[in-house]
């Protein structure tokens, strides 16, 4: 039961939910996420750490860049909940306004 409570608490934040939504669409680095979500790098890193701690994200390092994506190891019931939530928020004005990811890579 504690696992479910922790999962629902993670979803109860606009920024964390937005991070999960965007990372469900595409693998992104911190600088891409900063273009989408109005957080400082430090605040964004804390949110990514919290999401990773709950096993919702996976990451890979490429040189000095860390790329994040939604974890493939999320349990089935949590994945179903996420898909329903993502379906509900995809037309939200906040999500629509911030969905334009810049085309230039962070490495440039």
PDB file of N, CA and C in Angstrom:
ATOM      1  N   UNK A   1       0.822  -1.197   0.000  1.00  0.00           N
ATOM      2  CA  UNK A   1       0.000   0.000   0.000  1.00  0.00           C
ATOM      3  C   UNK A   1       0.868   1.264   0.000  1.00  0.00           C
ATOM      4  N   UNK A   2       2.000   1.217   0.703  1.00  0.00           N
ATOM      5  CA  UNK A   2       2.882   2.384   0.759  1.00  0.00           C
ATOM      6  C   UNK A   2       3.410   2.743  -0.624  1.00  0.00           C
ATOM      7  N   UNK A   3       3.666   1.735  -1.451  1.00  0.00           N
ATOM      8  CA  UNK A   3       4.136   1.953  -2.814  1.00  0.00           C
ATOM      9  C   UNK A   3       3.108   2.757  -3.620  1.00  0.00           C
ATOM     10  N   UNK A   4       1.842   2.428  -3.456  1.00  0.00           N
ATOM     11  CA  UNK A   4       0.772   3.142  -4.165  1.00  0.00           C
ATOM     12  C   UNK A   4       0.641   4.569  -3.658  1.00  0.00           C
ATOM     13  N   UNK A   5       0.752   4.763  -2.357  1.00  0.00           N
ATOM     14  CA  UNK A   5       0.673   6.109  -1.784  1.00  0.00           C
ATOM     15  C   UNK A   5       1.820   6.971  -2.308  1.00  0.00           C
ATOM     16  N   UNK A   6       3.028   6.427  -2.319  1.00  0.00           N
ATOM     17  CA  UNK A   6       4.185   7.168  -2.845  1.00  0.00           C
ATOM     18  C   UNK A   6       3.986   7.522  -4.311  1.00  0.00           C
ATOM     19  N   UNK A   7       3.476   6.588  -5.084  1.00  0.00           N
ATOM     20  CA  UNK A   7       3.227   6.818  -6.507  1.00  0.00           C
ATOM     21  C   UNK A   7       2.214   7.946  -6.709  1.00  0.00           C
ATOM     22  N   UNK A   8       1.127   7.919  -5.964  1.00  0.00           N
ATOM     23  CA  UNK A   8       0.097   8.955  -6.109  1.00  0.00           C
ATOM     24  C   UNK A   8       0.599  10.317  -5.644  1.00  0.00           C
ATOM     25  N   UNK A   9       1.429  10.344  -4.614  1.00  0.00           N
ATOM     26  CA  UNK A   9       2.023  11.615  -4.165  1.00  0.00           C
ATOM     27  C   UNK A   9       2.899  12.215  -5.260  1.00  0.00           C
ATOM     28  N   UNK A  10       3.655  11.376  -5.942  1.00  0.00           N
ATOM     29  CA  UNK A  10       4.508  11.849  -7.042  1.00  0.00           C
ATOM     30  C   UNK A  10       3.654  12.494  -8.130  1.00  0.00           C
ATOM     31  N   UNK A  11       2.501  11.923  -8.421  1.00  0.00           N
ATOM     32  CA  UNK A  11       1.631  12.450  -9.474  1.00  0.00           C
ATOM     33  C   UNK A  11       0.915  13.732  -9.066  1.00  0.00           C
ATOM     34  N   UNK A  12       0.903  14.038  -7.785  1.00  0.00           N
ATOM     35  CA  UNK A  12       0.138  15.178  -7.275  1.00  0.00           C
ATOM     36  C   UNK A  12       0.887  16.501  -7.377  1.00  0.00           C
ATOM     37  N   UNK A  13       1.818  16.604  -8.299  1.00  0.00           N
ATOM     38  CA  UNK A  13       2.577  17.833  -8.497  1.00  0.00           C
ATOM     39  C   UNK A  13       2.614  18.142  -9.994  1.00  0.00           C
ATOM     40  N   UNK A  14       2.237  19.361 -10.344  1.00  0.00           N
ATOM     41  CA  UNK A  14       2.156  19.770 -11.753  1.00  0.00           C
ATOM     42  C   UNK A  14       3.485  19.600 -12.486  1.00  0.00           C
ATOM     43  N   UNK A  15       4.568  19.977 -11.856  1.00  0.00           N
ATOM     44  CA  UNK A  15       5.875  19.880 -12.512  1.00  0.00           C
ATOM     45  C   UNK A  15       6.308  18.435 -12.711  1.00  0.00           C
ATOM     46  N   UNK A  16       6.148  17.607 -11.679  1.00  0.00           N
ATOM     47  CA  UNK A  16       6.531  16.198 -11.822  1.00  0.00           C
ATOM     48  C   UNK A  16       5.665  15.499 -12.860  1.00  0.00           C
ATOM     49  N   UNK A  17       4.384  15.796 -12.848  1.00  0.00           N
ATOM     50  CA  UNK A  17       3.480  15.189 -13.825  1.00  0.00           C
ATOM     51  C   UNK A  17       3.847  15.626 -15.240  1.00  0.00           C
ATOM     52  N   UNK A  18       4.199  16.883 -15.401  1.00  0.00           N
ATOM     53  CA  UNK A  18       4.627  17.389 -16.712  1.00  0.00           C
ATOM     54  C   UNK A  18       5.917  16.713 -17.163  1.00  0.00           C
ATOM     55  N   UNK A  19       6.859  16.559 -16.245  1.00  0.00           N
ATOM     56  CA  UNK A  19       8.116  15.876 -16.573  1.00  0.00           C
ATOM     57  C   UNK A  19       7.822  14.463 -17.064  1.00  0.00           C
ATOM     58  N   UNK A  20       6.989  13.746 -16.334  1.00  0.00           N
ATOM     59  CA  UNK A  20       6.640  12.382 -16.734  1.00  0.00           C
ATOM     60  C   UNK A  20       5.975  12.362 -18.103  1.00  0.00           C
ATOM     61  N   UNK A  21       5.068  13.305 -18.330  1.00  0.00           N
ATOM     62  CA  UNK A  21       4.372  13.360 -19.621  1.00  0.00           C
ATOM     63  C   UNK A  21       5.369  13.566 -20.758  1.00  0.00           C
ATOM     64  N   UNK A  22       6.221  14.568 -20.642  1.00  0.00           N
ATOM     65  CA  UNK A  22       7.170  14.860 -21.719  1.00  0.00           C
ATOM     66  C   UNK A  22       8.161  13.714 -21.926  1.00  0.00           C
ATOM     67  N   UNK A  23       8.582  13.088 -20.838  1.00  0.00           N
ATOM     68  CA  UNK A  23       9.528  11.983 -20.969  1.00  0.00           C
ATOM     69  C   UNK A  23       8.864  10.712 -21.484  1.00  0.00           C
ATOM     70  N   UNK A  24       7.549  10.646 -21.427  1.00  0.00           N
ATOM     71  CA  UNK A  24       6.850   9.507 -22.030  1.00  0.00           C
ATOM     72  C   UNK A  24       6.823   9.636 -23.550  1.00  0.00           C
ATOM     73  N   UNK A  25       7.032  10.847 -24.043  1.00  0.00           N
ATOM     74  CA  UNK A  25       7.005  11.110 -25.484  1.00  0.00           C
ATOM     75  C   UNK A  25       8.374  10.987 -26.125  1.00  0.00           C
ATOM     76  N   UNK A  26       9.419  11.356 -25.364  1.00  0.00           N
ATOM     77  CA  UNK A  26      10.743  11.456 -25.966  1.00  0.00           C
ATOM     78  C   UNK A  26      11.806  11.482 -24.874  1.00  0.00           C
ATOM     79  N   UNK A  27      12.942  10.891 -25.160  1.00  0.00           N
ATOM     80  CA  UNK A  27      14.086  10.982 -24.258  1.00  0.00           C
ATOM     81  C   UNK A  27      14.609  12.418 -24.307  1.00  0.00           C
ATOM     82  N   UNK A  28      14.842  13.009 -23.134  1.00  0.00           N
ATOM     83  CA  UNK A  28      15.267  14.406 -23.063  1.00  0.00           C
ATOM     84  C   UNK A  28      16.379  14.584 -22.040  1.00  0.00           C
ATOM     85  N   UNK A  29      17.193  15.606 -22.266  1.00  0.00           N
ATOM     86  CA  UNK A  29      18.208  15.969 -21.280  1.00  0.00           C
ATOM     87  C   UNK A  29      17.653  17.108 -20.415  1.00  0.00           C
ATOM     88  N   UNK A  30      18.373  17.459 -19.388  1.00  0.00           N
ATOM     89  CA  UNK A  30      17.920  18.492 -18.453  1.00  0.00           C
ATOM     90  C   UNK A  30      17.678  19.819 -19.167  1.00  0.00           C
ATOM     91  N   UNK A  31      18.568  20.187 -20.091  1.00  0.00           N
ATOM     92  CA  UNK A  31      18.384  21.488 -20.757  1.00  0.00           C
ATOM     93  C   UNK A  31      17.123  21.498 -21.616  1.00  0.00           C
ATOM     94  N   UNK A  32      16.751  20.353 -22.220  1.00  0.00           N
ATOM     95  CA  UNK A  32      15.485  20.283 -22.960  1.00  0.00           C
ATOM     96  C   UNK A  32      14.307  20.453 -22.006  1.00  0.00           C
ATOM     97  N   UNK A  33      14.374  19.775 -20.870  1.00  0.00           N
ATOM     98  CA  UNK A  33      13.293  19.882 -19.889  1.00  0.00           C
ATOM     99  C   UNK A  33      13.168  21.299 -19.347  1.00  0.00           C
ATOM    100  N   UNK A  34      14.302  21.991 -19.205  1.00  0.00           N
ATOM    101  CA  UNK A  34      14.262  23.376 -18.727  1.00  0.00           C
ATOM    102  C   UNK A  34      13.557  24.285 -19.732  1.00  0.00           C
ATOM    103  N   UNK A  35      13.600  23.931 -21.016  1.00  0.00           N
ATOM    104  CA  UNK A  35      12.882  24.693 -22.038  1.00  0.00           C
ATOM    105  C   UNK A  35      11.371  24.505 -21.890  1.00  0.00           C
ATOM    106  N   UNK A  36      10.977  23.373 -21.317  1.00  0.00           N
ATOM    107  CA  UNK A  36       9.564  23.011 -21.228  1.00  0.00           C
ATOM    108  C   UNK A  36       8.919  23.350 -19.893  1.00  0.00           C
ATOM    109  N   UNK A  37       9.687  23.271 -18.838  1.00  0.00           N
ATOM    110  CA  UNK A  37       9.128  23.398 -17.490  1.00  0.00           C
ATOM    111  C   UNK A  37       9.821  24.552 -16.776  1.00  0.00           C
ATOM    112  N   UNK A  38       9.041  25.474 -16.215  1.00  0.00           N
ATOM    113  CA  UNK A  38       9.618  26.683 -15.607  1.00  0.00           C
ATOM    114  C   UNK A  38      10.259  26.428 -14.243  1.00  0.00           C
ATOM    115  N   UNK A  39      11.361  25.681 -14.253  1.00  0.00           N
ATOM    116  CA  UNK A  39      12.102  25.405 -13.028  1.00  0.00           C
ATOM    117  C   UNK A  39      13.570  25.717 -13.261  1.00  0.00           C
ATOM    118  N   UNK A  40      14.262  26.061 -12.190  1.00  0.00           N
ATOM    119  CA  UNK A  40      15.710  26.226 -12.288  1.00  0.00           C
ATOM    120  C   UNK A  40      16.333  24.842 -12.480  1.00  0.00           C
ATOM    121  N   UNK A  41      17.577  24.823 -12.881  1.00  0.00           N
ATOM    122  CA  UNK A  41      18.254  23.541 -13.074  1.00  0.00           C
ATOM    123  C   UNK A  41      18.292  22.744 -11.771  1.00  0.00           C
ATOM    124  N   UNK A  42      18.551  23.423 -10.661  1.00  0.00           N
ATOM    125  CA  UNK A  42      18.594  22.745  -9.367  1.00  0.00           C
ATOM    126  C   UNK A  42      17.253  22.142  -8.974  1.00  0.00           C
ATOM    127  N   UNK A  43      16.190  22.921  -9.150  1.00  0.00           N
ATOM    128  CA  UNK A  43      14.849  22.433  -8.806  1.00  0.00           C
ATOM    129  C   UNK A  43      14.442  21.275  -9.714  1.00  0.00           C
ATOM    130  N   UNK A  44      14.781  21.385 -10.987  1.00  0.00           N
ATOM    131  CA  UNK A  44      14.472  20.315 -11.932  1.00  0.00           C
ATOM    132  C   UNK A  44      15.243  19.044 -11.576  1.00  0.00           C
ATOM    133  N   UNK A  45      16.490  19.192 -11.205  1.00  0.00           N
ATOM    134  CA  UNK A  45      17.305  18.038 -10.809  1.00  0.00           C
ATOM    135  C   UNK A  45      16.719  17.334  -9.591  1.00  0.00           C
ATOM    136  N   UNK A  46      16.202  18.101  -8.648  1.00  0.00           N
ATOM    137  CA  UNK A  46      15.555  17.506  -7.468  1.00  0.00           C
ATOM    138  C   UNK A  46      14.330  16.704  -7.888  1.00  0.00           C
ATOM    139  N   UNK A  47      13.523  17.262  -8.791  1.00  0.00           N
ATOM    140  CA  UNK A  47      12.328  16.548  -9.260  1.00  0.00           C
ATOM    141  C   UNK A  47      12.723  15.269 -10.002  1.00  0.00           C
ATOM    142  N   UNK A  48      13.757  15.345 -10.833  1.00  0.00           N
ATOM    143  CA  UNK A  48      14.225  14.155 -11.551  1.00  0.00           C
ATOM    144  C   UNK A  48      14.737  13.097 -10.577  1.00  0.00           C
ATOM    145  N   UNK A  49      15.417  13.535  -9.531  1.00  0.00           N
ATOM    146  CA  UNK A  49      15.909  12.603  -8.509  1.00  0.00           C
ATOM    147  C   UNK A  49      14.738  11.915  -7.811  1.00  0.00           C
ATOM    148  N   UNK A  50      13.700  12.691  -7.453  1.00  0.00           N
ATOM    149  CA  UNK A  50      12.522  12.119  -6.797  1.00  0.00           C
ATOM    150  C   UNK A  50      11.819  11.109  -7.699  1.00  0.00           C
ATOM    151  N   UNK A  51      11.683  11.441  -8.975  1.00  0.00           N
ATOM    152  CA  UNK A  51      11.032  10.532  -9.918  1.00  0.00           C
ATOM    153  C   UNK A  51      11.871   9.273 -10.136  1.00  0.00           C
ATOM    154  N   UNK A  52      13.171   9.438 -10.188  1.00  0.00           N
ATOM    155  CA  UNK A  52      14.066   8.283 -10.355  1.00  0.00           C
ATOM    156  C   UNK A  52      14.025   7.380  -9.127  1.00  0.00           C
ATOM    157  N   UNK A  53      13.953   7.997  -7.944  1.00  0.00           N
ATOM    158  CA  UNK A  53      13.891   7.239  -6.690  1.00  0.00           C
ATOM    159  C   UNK A  53      12.647   6.345  -6.644  1.00  0.00           C
ATOM    160  N   UNK A  54      11.580   6.791  -7.290  1.00  0.00           N
ATOM    161  CA  UNK A  54      10.338   6.006  -7.352  1.00  0.00           C
ATOM    162  C   UNK A  54      10.347   5.031  -8.532  1.00  0.00           C
ATOM    163  N   UNK A  55      11.496   4.908  -9.189  1.00  0.00           N
ATOM    164  CA  UNK A  55      11.670   4.001 -10.341  1.00  0.00           C
ATOM    165  C   UNK A  55      10.761   4.337 -11.517  1.00  0.00           C
ATOM    166  N   UNK A  56      10.456   5.625 -11.680  1.00  0.00           N
ATOM    167  CA  UNK A  56       9.616   6.053 -12.798  1.00  0.00           C
ATOM    168  C   UNK A  56      10.441   6.507 -13.997  1.00  0.00           C
ATOM    169  N   UNK A  57      11.718   6.786 -13.777  1.00  0.00           N
ATOM    170  CA  UNK A  57      12.591   7.248 -14.855  1.00  0.00           C
ATOM    171  C   UNK A  57      13.795   6.336 -14.993  1.00  0.00           C
ATOM    172  N   UNK A  58      14.304   6.296 -16.205  1.00  0.00           N
ATOM    173  CA  UNK A  58      15.617   5.697 -16.428  1.00  0.00           C
ATOM    174  C   UNK A  58      16.475   6.760 -17.094  1.00  0.00           C
ATOM    175  N   UNK A  59      17.770   6.616 -16.970  1.00  0.00           N
ATOM    176  CA  UNK A  59      18.667   7.619 -17.540  1.00  0.00           C
ATOM    177  C   UNK A  59      19.872   6.940 -18.158  1.00  0.00           C
ATOM    178  N   UNK A  60      20.495   7.677 -19.062  1.00  0.00           N
ATOM    179  CA  UNK A  60      21.750   7.218 -19.653  1.00  0.00           C
ATOM    180  C   UNK A  60      22.651   8.427 -19.801  1.00  0.00           C
ATOM    181  N   UNK A  61      23.917   8.193 -19.674  1.00  0.00           N
ATOM    182  CA  UNK A  61      24.890   9.276 -19.776  1.00  0.00           C
ATOM    183  C   UNK A  61      25.556   9.215 -21.144  1.00  0.00           C
ATOM    184  N   UNK A  62      25.692  10.381 -21.763  1.00  0.00           N
ATOM    185  CA  UNK A  62      26.375  10.505 -23.050  1.00  0.00           C
ATOM    186  C   UNK A  62      27.349  11.670 -22.913  1.00  0.00           C
ATOM    187  N   UNK A  63      28.594  11.357 -22.588  1.00  0.00           N
ATOM    188  CA  UNK A  63      29.562  12.411 -22.308  1.00  0.00           C
ATOM    189  C   UNK A  63      29.167  13.123 -21.029  1.00  0.00           C
ATOM    190  N   UNK A  64      29.039  14.439 -21.100  1.00  0.00           N
ATOM    191  CA  UNK A  64      28.628  15.194 -19.907  1.00  0.00           C
ATOM    192  C   UNK A  64      27.109  15.357 -19.819  1.00  0.00           C
ATOM    193  N   UNK A  65      26.377  14.803 -20.763  1.00  0.00           N
ATOM    194  CA  UNK A  65      24.921  14.941 -20.810  1.00  0.00           C
ATOM    195  C   UNK A  65      24.241  13.707 -20.237  1.00  0.00           C
ATOM    196  N   UNK A  66      23.179  13.923 -19.475  1.00  0.00           N
ATOM    197  CA  UNK A  66      22.358  12.830 -18.962  1.00  0.00           C
ATOM    198  C   UNK A  66      20.990  12.944 -19.619  1.00  0.00           C
ATOM    199  N   UNK A  67      20.550  11.855 -20.232  1.00  0.00           N
ATOM    200  CA  UNK A  67      19.259  11.814 -20.905  1.00  0.00           C
ATOM    201  C   UNK A  67      18.304  10.949 -20.094  1.00  0.00           C
ATOM    202  N   UNK A  68      17.087  11.424 -19.957  1.00  0.00           N
ATOM    203  CA  UNK A  68      16.067  10.746 -19.167  1.00  0.00           C
ATOM    204  C   UNK A  68      14.924  10.306 -20.060  1.00  0.00           C
ATOM    205  N   UNK A  69      14.264   9.230 -19.637  1.00  0.00           N
ATOM    206  CA  UNK A  69      13.038   8.782 -20.288  1.00  0.00           C
ATOM    207  C   UNK A  69      12.203   8.047 -19.248  1.00  0.00           C
ATOM    208  N   UNK A  70      10.949   7.838 -19.586  1.00  0.00           N
ATOM    209  CA  UNK A  70      10.075   7.081 -18.708  1.00  0.00           C
ATOM    210  C   UNK A  70      10.611   5.652 -18.620  1.00  0.00           C
ATOM    211  N   UNK A  71      10.679   5.128 -17.429  1.00  0.00           N
ATOM    212  CA  UNK A  71      11.226   3.791 -17.220  1.00  0.00           C
ATOM    213  C   UNK A  71      10.342   2.729 -17.859  1.00  0.00           C
ATOM    214  N   UNK A  72      10.981   1.712 -18.394  1.00  0.00           N
ATOM    215  CA  UNK A  72      10.242   0.570 -18.939  1.00  0.00           C
ATOM    216  C   UNK A  72       9.874  -0.413 -17.835  1.00  0.00           C
ATOM    217  N   UNK A  73      10.389  -0.196 -16.628  1.00  0.00           N
ATOM    218  CA  UNK A  73      10.168  -1.114 -15.513  1.00  0.00           C
ATOM    219  C   UNK A  73       9.048  -0.685 -14.567  1.00  0.00           C
ATOM    220  N   UNK A  74       8.232   0.267 -14.982  1.00  0.00           N
ATOM    221  CA  UNK A  74       7.104   0.699 -14.144  1.00  0.00           C
ATOM    222  C   UNK A  74       6.105  -0.452 -14.077  1.00  0.00           C
ATOM    223  N   UNK A  75       5.590  -0.727 -12.879  1.00  0.00           N
ATOM    224  CA  UNK A  75       4.657  -1.847 -12.776  1.00  0.00           C
ATOM    225  C   UNK A  75       3.384  -1.578 -13.581  1.00  0.00           C
ATOM    226  N   UNK A  76       2.729  -2.636 -13.971  1.00  0.00           N
ATOM    227  CA  UNK A  76       1.613  -2.568 -14.913  1.00  0.00           C
ATOM    228  C   UNK A  76       0.487  -1.660 -14.441  1.00  0.00           C
ATOM    229  N   UNK A  77       0.099  -1.764 -13.186  1.00  0.00           N
ATOM    230  CA  UNK A  77      -1.018  -0.935 -12.707  1.00  0.00           C
ATOM    231  C   UNK A  77      -0.644   0.542 -12.699  1.00  0.00           C
ATOM    232  N   UNK A  78       0.587   0.862 -12.337  1.00  0.00           N
ATOM    233  CA  UNK A  78       1.030   2.261 -12.357  1.00  0.00           C
ATOM    234  C   UNK A  78       1.125   2.770 -13.795  1.00  0.00           C
ATOM    235  N   UNK A  79       1.565   1.917 -14.702  1.00  0.00           N
ATOM    236  CA  UNK A  79       1.649   2.292 -16.114  1.00  0.00           C
ATOM    237  C   UNK A  79       0.251   2.603 -16.666  1.00  0.00           C
ATOM    238  N   UNK A  80      -0.735   1.810 -16.275  1.00  0.00           N
ATOM    239  CA  UNK A  80      -2.114   2.049 -16.716  1.00  0.00           C
ATOM    240  C   UNK A  80      -2.630   3.381 -16.183  1.00  0.00           C
ATOM    241  N   UNK A  81      -2.347   3.667 -14.930  1.00  0.00           N
ATOM    242  CA  UNK A  81      -2.760   4.946 -14.342  1.00  0.00           C
ATOM    243  C   UNK A  81      -2.087   6.094 -15.076  1.00  0.00           C
ATOM    244  N   UNK A  82      -0.783   5.977 -15.312  1.00  0.00           N
ATOM    245  CA  UNK A  82      -0.063   7.033 -16.035  1.00  0.00           C
ATOM    246  C   UNK A  82      -0.662   7.262 -17.418  1.00  0.00           C
ATOM    247  N   UNK A  83      -0.952   6.200 -18.140  1.00  0.00           N
ATOM    248  CA  UNK A  83      -1.531   6.349 -19.478  1.00  0.00           C
ATOM    249  C   UNK A  83      -2.875   7.063 -19.439  1.00  0.00           C
ATOM    250  N   UNK A  84      -3.695   6.757 -18.447  1.00  0.00           N
ATOM    251  CA  UNK A  84      -4.986   7.443 -18.307  1.00  0.00           C
ATOM    252  C   UNK A  84      -4.783   8.918 -17.981  1.00  0.00           C
ATOM    253  N   UNK A  85      -3.858   9.199 -17.078  1.00  0.00           N
ATOM    254  CA  UNK A  85      -3.571  10.590 -16.712  1.00  0.00           C
ATOM    255  C   UNK A  85      -3.007  11.345 -17.911  1.00  0.00           C
ATOM    256  N   UNK A  86      -2.067  10.746 -18.628  1.00  0.00           N
ATOM    257  CA  UNK A  86      -1.487  11.398 -19.808  1.00  0.00           C
ATOM    258  C   UNK A  86      -2.559  11.688 -20.853  1.00  0.00           C
ATOM    259  N   UNK A  87      -3.485  10.766 -21.020  1.00  0.00           N
ATOM    260  CA  UNK A  87      -4.577  10.973 -21.970  1.00  0.00           C
ATOM    261  C   UNK A  87      -5.450  12.154 -21.554  1.00  0.00           C
ATOM    262  N   UNK A  88      -5.631  12.334 -20.260  1.00  0.00           N
ATOM    263  CA  UNK A  88      -6.428  13.453 -19.749  1.00  0.00           C
ATOM    264  C   UNK A  88      -5.717  14.790 -19.893  1.00  0.00           C
ATOM    265  N   UNK A  89      -4.416  14.819 -19.666  1.00  0.00           N
ATOM    266  CA  UNK A  89      -3.712  16.108 -19.643  1.00  0.00           C
ATOM    267  C   UNK A  89      -3.151  16.527 -20.996  1.00  0.00           C
ATOM    268  N   UNK A  90      -3.174  15.646 -21.985  1.00  0.00           N
ATOM    269  CA  UNK A  90      -2.542  15.989 -23.268  1.00  0.00           C
ATOM    270  C   UNK A  90      -3.159  17.215 -23.930  1.00  0.00           C
ATOM    271  N   UNK A  91      -4.398  17.529 -23.615  1.00  0.00           N
ATOM    272  CA  UNK A  91      -5.056  18.703 -24.186  1.00  0.00           C
ATOM    273  C   UNK A  91      -5.097  19.892 -23.233  1.00  0.00           C
ATOM    274  N   UNK A  92      -4.433  19.756 -22.107  1.00  0.00           N
ATOM    275  CA  UNK A  92      -4.348  20.850 -21.148  1.00  0.00           C
ATOM    276  C   UNK A  92      -3.556  22.005 -21.766  1.00  0.00           C
ATOM    277  N   UNK A  93      -4.001  23.226 -21.524  1.00  0.00           N
ATOM    278  CA  UNK A  93      -3.329  24.397 -22.103  1.00  0.00           C
ATOM    279  C   UNK A  93      -1.855  24.469 -21.720  1.00  0.00           C
ATOM    280  N   UNK A  94      -1.539  24.152 -20.483  1.00  0.00           N
ATOM    281  CA  UNK A  94      -0.141  24.187 -20.037  1.00  0.00           C
ATOM    282  C   UNK A  94       0.708  23.226 -20.867  1.00  0.00           C
ATOM    283  N   UNK A  95       0.217  22.028 -21.056  1.00  0.00           N
ATOM    284  CA  UNK A  95       0.942  21.019 -21.836  1.00  0.00           C
ATOM    285  C   UNK A  95       1.056  21.460 -23.290  1.00  0.00           C
ATOM    286  N   UNK A  96      -0.026  21.969 -23.844  1.00  0.00           N
ATOM    287  CA  UNK A  96       0.003  22.424 -25.243  1.00  0.00           C
ATOM    288  C   UNK A  96       1.002  23.555 -25.438  1.00  0.00           C
ATOM    289  N   UNK A  97       1.011  24.504 -24.510  1.00  0.00           N
ATOM    290  CA  UNK A  97       1.889  25.671 -24.634  1.00  0.00           C
ATOM    291  C   UNK A  97       3.360  25.300 -24.510  1.00  0.00           C
ATOM    292  N   UNK A  98       3.647  24.269 -23.768  1.00  0.00           N
ATOM    293  CA  UNK A  98       5.046  23.924 -23.526  1.00  0.00           C
ATOM    294  C   UNK A  98       5.516  22.725 -24.338  1.00  0.00           C
ATOM    295  N   UNK A  99       4.691  22.229 -25.237  1.00  0.00           N
ATOM    296  CA  UNK A  99       5.026  21.013 -25.982  1.00  0.00           C
ATOM    297  C   UNK A  99       6.024  21.205 -27.111  1.00  0.00           C
ATOM    298  N   UNK A 100       6.385  22.407 -27.419  1.00  0.00           N
ATOM    299  CA  UNK A 100       7.324  22.662 -28.513  1.00  0.00           C
ATOM    300  C   UNK A 100       8.756  22.531 -28.004  1.00  0.00           C
ATOM    301  N   UNK A 101       9.358  21.413 -28.280  1.00  0.00           N
ATOM    302  CA  UNK A 101      10.746  21.192 -27.875  1.00  0.00           C
ATOM    303  C   UNK A 101      11.642  21.777 -28.954  1.00  0.00           C
ATOM    304  N   UNK A 102      12.610  22.538 -28.517  1.00  0.00           N
ATOM    305  CA  UNK A 102      13.489  23.168 -29.497  1.00  0.00           C
ATOM    306  C   UNK A 102      14.181  22.105 -30.344  1.00  0.00           C
ATOM    307  N   UNK A 103      14.439  22.451 -31.575  1.00  0.00           N
ATOM    308  CA  UNK A 103      15.021  21.480 -32.498  1.00  0.00           C
ATOM    309  C   UNK A 103      16.532  21.367 -32.346  1.00  0.00           C
ATOM    310  N   UNK A 104      17.155  22.358 -31.743  1.00  0.00           N
ATOM    311  CA  UNK A 104      18.603  22.345 -31.586  1.00  0.00           C
ATOM    312  C   UNK A 104      18.994  21.444 -30.416  1.00  0.00           C
ATOM    313  N   UNK A 105      19.988  20.642 -30.617  1.00  0.00           N
ATOM    314  CA  UNK A 105      20.470  19.744 -29.577  1.00  0.00           C
ATOM    315  C   UNK A 105      21.205  20.526 -28.488  1.00  0.00           C
ATOM    316  N   UNK A 106      21.198  20.002 -27.282  1.00  0.00           N
ATOM    317  CA  UNK A 106      21.931  20.618 -26.166  1.00  0.00           C
ATOM    318  C   UNK A 106      23.426  20.636 -26.425  1.00  0.00           C
ATOM    319  N   UNK A 107      23.892  19.730 -27.222  1.00  0.00           N
ATOM    320  CA  UNK A 107      25.330  19.592 -27.449  1.00  0.00           C
ATOM    321  C   UNK A 107      25.893  20.702 -28.316  1.00  0.00           C
ATOM    322  N   UNK A 108      25.057  21.463 -28.963  1.00  0.00           N
ATOM    323  CA  UNK A 108      25.543  22.542 -29.848  1.00  0.00           C
ATOM    324  C   UNK A 108      25.758  23.819 -29.087  1.00  0.00           C
TER     325      UNK A 108
END
